[in-house]
Amino acid sequence: MRLLPSLLIAVSALGLTMSAANAADKCPYHPRDKWIPIDQAISKAEALGYDVRDVEADDGCWEVEGYDRNGAKVKVYLDPVSGEVVKPSSWLSRLR
């Protein structure tokens, strides 16, 4: 009976640790006033061949959602200062 509360605490702590790790492997911290404007982030993603549908700030990155050259749905994270891709993800293509 006492195992359940301990197990729930352990699982919750693991989830928080994993969330922090996922955020950390995207973009390093940069002050917001150093970020490129959203229209520049869109231009950089389009120059890489992405058909951009949505862009928003997420975990210190520009998060770009759209389609790659093959028509697969993608989510790409851009460094907010340089505009370079830091983490491409095509996990959305598996949801079709």
Protein backbone atom coordinates (compact mmCIF):
# COMPACT_ATOMS: atom_id res chain seq x y z
CA MET A 1 0.00 0.00 0.00
CA ARG A 2 2.83 2.41 0.73
CA LEU A 3 4.50 1.55 -2.56
CA LEU A 4 1.90 3.37 -4.67
CA PRO A 5 2.57 6.90 -3.32
CA SER A 6 6.33 6.36 -3.65
CA LEU A 7 5.90 5.09 -7.19
CA LEU A 8 3.75 8.07 -8.15
CA ILE A 9 6.36 10.49 -6.77
CA ALA A 10 9.15 8.72 -8.66
CA VAL A 11 7.23 8.76 -11.95
CA SER A 12 6.36 12.45 -11.53
CA ALA A 13 9.99 13.36 -10.84
CA LEU A 14 11.12 11.40 -13.90
CA GLY A 15 8.61 13.22 -16.08
CA LEU A 16 9.84 16.62 -14.90
CA THR A 17 13.44 15.62 -15.49
CA MET A 18 12.66 14.41 -19.01
CA SER A 19 10.80 17.64 -19.85
CA ALA A 20 13.77 19.72 -18.76
CA ALA A 21 16.14 17.52 -20.76
CA ASN A 22 14.02 17.85 -23.91
CA ALA A 23 13.98 21.62 -23.62
CA ALA A 24 17.74 21.75 -22.99
CA ASP A 25 18.65 19.81 -26.14
CA LYS A 26 16.84 22.26 -28.39
CA CYS A 27 18.19 25.80 -28.02
CA PRO A 28 20.51 27.48 -25.55
CA TYR A 29 19.18 30.53 -23.73
CA HIS A 30 19.36 33.83 -25.60
CA PRO A 31 17.72 37.07 -24.42
CA ARG A 32 14.59 37.80 -26.42
CA ASP A 33 15.97 41.10 -27.73
CA LYS A 34 18.73 39.15 -29.54
CA TRP A 35 16.28 36.92 -31.47
CA ILE A 36 15.79 37.30 -35.21
CA PRO A 37 12.30 38.54 -36.13
CA ILE A 38 9.67 35.92 -36.92
CA ASP A 39 9.60 36.90 -40.61
CA GLN A 40 13.34 36.18 -40.81
CA ALA A 41 12.80 32.77 -39.17
CA ILE A 42 10.13 32.02 -41.78
CA SER A 43 12.45 33.11 -44.60
CA LYS A 44 15.28 30.91 -43.28
CA ALA A 45 12.97 27.88 -43.05
CA GLU A 46 11.62 28.49 -46.56
CA ALA A 47 15.19 28.82 -47.88
CA LEU A 48 15.82 25.33 -46.46
CA GLY A 49 12.92 24.02 -48.51
CA TYR A 50 10.15 23.93 -45.90
CA ASP A 51 6.59 24.96 -46.70
CA VAL A 52 5.92 26.92 -43.50
CA ARG A 53 2.43 26.78 -41.99
CA ASP A 54 3.02 27.98 -38.41
CA VAL A 55 5.83 29.54 -36.38
CA GLU A 56 5.92 30.20 -32.65
CA ALA A 57 8.43 30.60 -29.84
CA ASP A 58 8.87 27.32 -27.93
CA ASP A 59 11.48 26.35 -25.33
CA GLY A 60 13.80 29.15 -26.41
CA CYS A 61 13.60 28.30 -30.12
CA TRP A 62 11.58 29.30 -33.12
CA GLU A 63 9.35 26.26 -33.69
CA VAL A 64 8.40 25.91 -37.35
CA GLU A 65 5.62 23.56 -38.45
CA GLY A 66 4.96 22.76 -42.06
CA TYR A 67 5.94 20.34 -44.82
CA ASP A 68 9.26 19.19 -46.19
CA ARG A 69 10.11 18.80 -49.88
CA ASN A 70 8.55 15.33 -49.92
CA GLY A 71 5.25 16.59 -48.51
CA ALA A 72 5.83 15.07 -45.06
CA LYS A 73 4.56 17.09 -42.12
CA VAL A 74 7.49 18.32 -40.02
CA LYS A 75 8.36 20.36 -36.97
CA VAL A 76 11.74 22.11 -37.09
CA TYR A 77 13.41 24.09 -34.32
CA LEU A 78 15.54 27.08 -35.30
CA ASP A 79 18.14 28.76 -33.13
CA PRO A 80 16.51 32.12 -32.33
CA VAL A 81 19.68 34.13 -32.96
CA SER A 82 21.30 32.42 -35.97
CA GLY A 83 18.22 30.85 -37.54
CA GLU A 84 20.11 27.56 -37.96
CA VAL A 85 18.21 24.28 -37.57
CA VAL A 86 18.92 22.79 -34.16
CA LYS A 87 16.40 19.94 -34.12
CA PRO A 88 14.41 18.75 -37.11
CA SER A 89 11.58 16.34 -36.42
CA SER A 90 9.40 14.44 -38.82
CA TRP A 91 7.33 12.75 -36.13
CA LEU A 92 4.24 14.48 -37.48
CA SER A 93 4.57 12.55 -40.74
CA ARG A 94 3.75 9.34 -38.87
CA LEU A 95 0.41 10.76 -37.76
CA ARG A 96 -1.02 11.00 -41.28
